[in-house]
C-alpha atoms as a PDB file:
ATOM      1  CA  MET A   1       7.679  18.836 -16.264  1.00  0.00           C
ATOM      2  CA  CYS A   2       6.099  16.624 -13.612  1.00  0.00           C
ATOM      3  CA  LEU A   3       4.204  13.455 -14.295  1.00  0.00           C
ATOM      4  CA  ALA A   4       1.568  11.735 -12.187  1.00  0.00           C
ATOM      5  CA  VAL A   5       1.873   7.948 -12.174  1.00  0.00           C
ATOM      6  CA  PRO A   6      -0.687   5.291 -11.220  1.00  0.00           C
ATOM      7  CA  LEU A   7       0.450   2.878  -8.514  1.00  0.00           C
ATOM      8  CA  LYS A   8      -1.159  -0.061  -6.718  1.00  0.00           C
ATOM      9  CA  ILE A   9      -0.968   0.288  -2.937  1.00  0.00           C
ATOM     10  CA  THR A  10       0.837  -2.711  -1.443  1.00  0.00           C
ATOM     11  CA  SER A  11       1.025  -1.570   2.196  1.00  0.00           C
ATOM     12  CA  ILE A  12      -0.054   1.336   4.382  1.00  0.00           C
ATOM     13  CA  ASP A  13       1.437   2.526   7.667  1.00  0.00           C
ATOM     14  CA  GLY A  14      -0.304   5.637   8.976  1.00  0.00           C
ATOM     15  CA  LYS A  15       0.046   8.354   6.339  1.00  0.00           C
ATOM     16  CA  ARG A  16       2.796   6.512   4.461  1.00  0.00           C
ATOM     17  CA  ALA A  17       2.247   3.773   1.943  1.00  0.00           C
ATOM     18  CA  VAL A  18       4.170   1.725  -0.568  1.00  0.00           C
ATOM     19  CA  GLY A  19       2.899   1.555  -4.119  1.00  0.00           C
ATOM     20  CA  GLU A  20       3.998  -0.613  -7.044  1.00  0.00           C
ATOM     21  CA  ALA A  21       3.875  -0.442 -10.823  1.00  0.00           C
ATOM     22  CA  GLY A  22       5.908  -2.327 -13.368  1.00  0.00           C
ATOM     23  CA  GLY A  23       7.851  -4.186 -10.695  1.00  0.00           C
ATOM     24  CA  LEU A  24       9.122  -0.973  -9.075  1.00  0.00           C
ATOM     25  CA  SER A  25       8.064   0.186  -5.607  1.00  0.00           C
ATOM     26  CA  GLN A  26       7.799   3.719  -4.281  1.00  0.00           C
ATOM     27  CA  THR A  27       7.067   5.144  -0.857  1.00  0.00           C
ATOM     28  CA  LEU A  28       4.308   7.734  -0.948  1.00  0.00           C
ATOM     29  CA  ARG A  29       2.080   9.810   1.297  1.00  0.00           C
ATOM     30  CA  VAL A  30      -1.666   9.210   1.523  1.00  0.00           C
ATOM     31  CA  ASP A  31      -2.637  12.294   3.549  1.00  0.00           C
ATOM     32  CA  PHE A  32      -5.193  13.509   0.991  1.00  0.00           C
ATOM     33  CA  LEU A  33      -7.081  10.230   0.507  1.00  0.00           C
ATOM     34  CA  PRO A  34      -8.366   8.745   3.763  1.00  0.00           C
ATOM     35  CA  GLY A  35      -9.657   5.199   3.761  1.00  0.00           C
ATOM     36  CA  LEU A  36      -7.236   3.704   1.239  1.00  0.00           C
ATOM     37  CA  GLN A  37      -6.528  -0.014   1.534  1.00  0.00           C
ATOM     38  CA  PRO A  38      -3.818  -2.271   0.120  1.00  0.00           C
ATOM     39  CA  GLY A  39      -4.910  -3.252  -3.381  1.00  0.00           C
ATOM     40  CA  ASP A  40      -6.330   0.203  -4.196  1.00  0.00           C
ATOM     41  CA  TYR A  41      -4.951   2.105  -7.172  1.00  0.00           C
ATOM     42  CA  VAL A  42      -3.960   5.752  -6.846  1.00  0.00           C
ATOM     43  CA  MET A  43      -2.513   8.483  -9.030  1.00  0.00           C
ATOM     44  CA  VAL A  44       0.735   9.721  -7.446  1.00  0.00           C
ATOM     45  CA  HIS A  45       2.272  13.146  -8.044  1.00  0.00           C
ATOM     46  CA  ALA A  46       5.352  14.467  -6.216  1.00  0.00           C
ATOM     47  CA  GLY A  47       5.176  11.585  -3.741  1.00  0.00           C
ATOM     48  CA  PHE A  48       1.519  12.136  -2.770  1.00  0.00           C
ATOM     49  CA  ALA A  49      -1.511  10.046  -3.707  1.00  0.00           C
ATOM     50  CA  ILE A  50      -3.837  12.642  -5.255  1.00  0.00           C
ATOM     51  CA  GLN A  51      -6.668  10.545  -6.704  1.00  0.00           C
ATOM     52  CA  LYS A  52      -8.098   7.059  -6.251  1.00  0.00           C
ATOM     53  CA  LEU A  53      -8.433   5.093  -9.509  1.00  0.00           C
ATOM     54  CA  THR A  54     -10.210   1.975 -10.627  1.00  0.00           C
ATOM     55  CA  GLU A  55      -8.039  -0.898 -11.824  1.00  0.00           C
ATOM     56  CA  GLU A  56      -9.182  -0.141 -15.389  1.00  0.00           C
ATOM     57  CA  GLN A  57      -8.216   3.540 -15.130  1.00  0.00           C
ATOM     58  CA  ALA A  58      -4.791   2.600 -13.786  1.00  0.00           C
ATOM     59  CA  ALA A  59      -4.256   0.093 -16.613  1.00  0.00           C
ATOM     60  CA  GLU A  60      -5.233   2.700 -19.239  1.00  0.00           C
ATOM     61  CA  ASN A  61      -2.825   5.249 -17.743  1.00  0.00           C
ATOM     62  CA  LEU A  62       0.041   2.754 -17.551  1.00  0.00           C
ATOM     63  CA  ALA A  63      -0.592   1.703 -21.163  1.00  0.00           C
ATOM     64  CA  ALA A  64      -0.441   5.348 -22.273  1.00  0.00           C
ATOM     65  CA  ILE A  65       2.846   5.850 -20.416  1.00  0.00           C
ATOM     66  CA  ARG A  66       4.295   2.687 -22.020  1.00  0.00           C
ATOM     67  CA  GLU A  67       3.161   3.878 -25.447  1.00  0.00           C
ATOM     68  CA  ALA A  68       4.848   7.254 -24.939  1.00  0.00           C
ATOM     69  CA  LEU A  69       8.077   5.606 -23.781  1.00  0.00           C
ATOM     70  CA  ASP A  70       8.051   3.209 -26.731  1.00  0.00           C
ATOM     71  CA  ALA A  71       7.683   6.178 -29.090  1.00  0.00           C
ATOM     72  CA  LEU A  72      10.954   7.633 -27.790  1.00  0.00           C
END
């Protein structure tokens, strides 16, 4: 099973970016979403940003992930 995770873009260099959530950083590709800027939130699947999110959408998704992890 694969899971898409919301990340906040902290830096962009060409088609590569660094995103952060929960104090952890991940390198990702932004090929599919032109015009992203540091500070934007994206949904990341398999190392690719696949959807731009609002800050509220990202917070809701992260809360749902935390709730699922806490249930384990």
